[in-house]
């Protein structure tokens, strides 16, 4: 009978240690995931900001270049604006077939990585 009590006490101790270790491991995994997500978001935001500035100046330069080719600065800007309108129409046309599934698959693969 005394041996059964000792075994039960050992089992209780081991289960407690297992649960404590499991909780610590879970906290470490969550912390690692959160820090990875935060650093990815920071890098993505910085890259997005610099990309926007690059594209803004590149397309302004293109508009002036096209404007000098057609002898109308306003005409160059309207041609570049028409190009952007074409891109927006394409995005809305391909939204449900291409863009949304691609983003969804990227997010799902990142979650289960």
Protein backbone atom coordinates (compact mmCIF):
# COMPACT_ATOMS: atom_id res chain seq x y z
CA UNK A 1 0.00 0.00 0.00
CA UNK A 2 2.85 2.33 0.83
CA UNK A 3 4.44 1.59 -2.56
CA UNK A 4 1.19 2.54 -4.35
CA UNK A 5 1.10 5.89 -2.53
CA UNK A 6 4.74 6.50 -3.46
CA UNK A 7 4.08 5.67 -7.10
CA UNK A 8 1.02 7.91 -7.15
CA UNK A 9 3.05 10.75 -5.62
CA UNK A 10 5.81 10.25 -8.24
CA UNK A 11 3.22 10.20 -11.01
CA UNK A 12 1.66 13.42 -9.70
CA UNK A 13 5.08 15.08 -9.59
CA UNK A 14 5.96 13.97 -13.12
CA UNK A 15 2.60 15.09 -14.54
CA UNK A 16 3.04 18.49 -12.88
CA UNK A 17 6.52 18.84 -14.36
CA UNK A 18 5.23 17.76 -17.78
CA UNK A 19 2.44 20.33 -17.73
CA UNK A 20 4.85 23.06 -16.60
CA UNK A 21 7.32 22.18 -19.35
CA UNK A 22 4.55 22.04 -21.95
CA UNK A 23 3.32 25.51 -20.94
CA UNK A 24 6.84 26.93 -21.14
CA UNK A 25 7.31 25.39 -24.58
CA UNK A 26 3.99 26.81 -25.77
CA UNK A 27 4.91 30.27 -24.49
CA UNK A 28 8.25 30.07 -26.29
CA UNK A 29 6.59 29.05 -29.56
CA UNK A 30 4.01 31.85 -29.31
CA UNK A 31 6.71 34.40 -28.49
CA UNK A 32 8.82 33.24 -31.43
CA UNK A 33 5.85 33.45 -33.79
CA UNK A 34 4.89 36.91 -32.57
CA UNK A 35 8.43 38.24 -32.86
CA UNK A 36 8.77 36.78 -36.37
CA UNK A 37 5.47 38.37 -37.40
CA UNK A 38 6.41 41.75 -35.90
CA UNK A 39 9.82 41.83 -37.56
CA UNK A 40 8.30 40.75 -40.87
CA UNK A 41 5.69 43.49 -40.60
CA UNK A 42 8.34 46.12 -39.83
CA UNK A 43 10.52 45.08 -42.76
CA UNK A 44 7.49 44.89 -45.04
CA UNK A 45 6.33 48.36 -44.02
CA UNK A 46 9.77 49.86 -44.63
CA UNK A 47 10.09 48.16 -48.01
CA UNK A 48 6.58 49.25 -48.97
CA UNK A 49 7.32 52.87 -48.03
CA UNK A 50 10.55 53.02 -50.02
CA UNK A 51 8.87 51.22 -52.91
CA UNK A 52 6.08 53.79 -53.00
CA UNK A 53 8.59 56.66 -53.11
CA UNK A 54 10.58 54.92 -55.86
CA UNK A 55 7.49 54.30 -57.97
CA UNK A 56 6.22 57.84 -57.45
CA UNK A 57 9.44 59.42 -58.72
CA UNK A 58 9.92 56.84 -61.47
CA UNK A 59 6.44 57.43 -62.87
CA UNK A 60 6.81 61.20 -62.56
CA UNK A 61 10.00 60.90 -64.61
CA UNK A 62 8.20 58.68 -67.11
CA UNK A 63 5.36 61.19 -67.36
CA UNK A 64 7.81 64.01 -68.10
CA UNK A 65 9.62 61.82 -70.63
CA UNK A 66 6.39 60.92 -72.43
CA UNK A 67 5.29 64.56 -72.17
CA UNK A 68 8.44 65.74 -73.90
CA UNK A 69 7.93 63.10 -76.60
CA UNK A 70 4.36 64.29 -77.32
CA UNK A 71 5.21 67.97 -76.72
CA UNK A 72 2.72 68.20 -73.84
CA UNK A 73 3.63 67.70 -70.19
CA UNK A 74 -0.04 67.33 -69.29
CA UNK A 75 -0.43 64.75 -72.05
CA UNK A 76 2.42 62.71 -70.57
CA UNK A 77 0.77 62.74 -67.15
CA UNK A 78 -2.58 61.76 -68.68
CA UNK A 79 -0.98 58.83 -70.50
CA UNK A 80 0.64 57.61 -67.27
CA UNK A 81 -2.70 58.08 -65.48
CA UNK A 82 -4.41 56.01 -68.17
CA UNK A 83 -1.81 53.27 -67.61
CA UNK A 84 -2.66 53.28 -63.89
CA UNK A 85 -6.37 53.16 -64.70
CA UNK A 86 -5.71 50.10 -66.87
CA UNK A 87 -3.86 48.44 -63.98
CA UNK A 88 -6.76 49.18 -61.58
CA UNK A 89 -9.28 47.71 -64.03
CA UNK A 90 -7.12 44.58 -64.40
CA UNK A 91 -6.84 44.22 -60.62
CA UNK A 92 -10.61 44.39 -60.20
CA UNK A 93 -11.17 41.99 -63.11
CA UNK A 94 -8.72 39.41 -61.74
CA UNK A 95 -9.55 39.94 -58.06
CA UNK A 96 -11.62 36.82 -57.40
CA UNK A 97 -9.83 34.45 -59.77
CA UNK A 98 -6.17 35.26 -59.19
CA UNK A 99 -5.40 37.82 -56.51
CA UNK A 100 -7.57 36.66 -53.57
CA UNK A 101 -6.62 32.96 -53.90
CA UNK A 102 -2.92 33.83 -54.15
CA UNK A 103 -3.04 35.99 -51.02
CA UNK A 104 -5.12 33.40 -49.17
CA UNK A 105 -2.69 30.60 -50.07
CA UNK A 106 0.30 32.70 -49.04
CA UNK A 107 -1.24 33.44 -45.64
CA UNK A 108 -2.22 29.82 -45.05
CA UNK A 109 1.23 28.54 -45.99
CA UNK A 110 2.84 31.13 -43.69
CA UNK A 111 0.61 30.09 -40.76
CA UNK A 112 1.42 26.40 -41.14
CA UNK A 113 5.13 26.97 -41.77
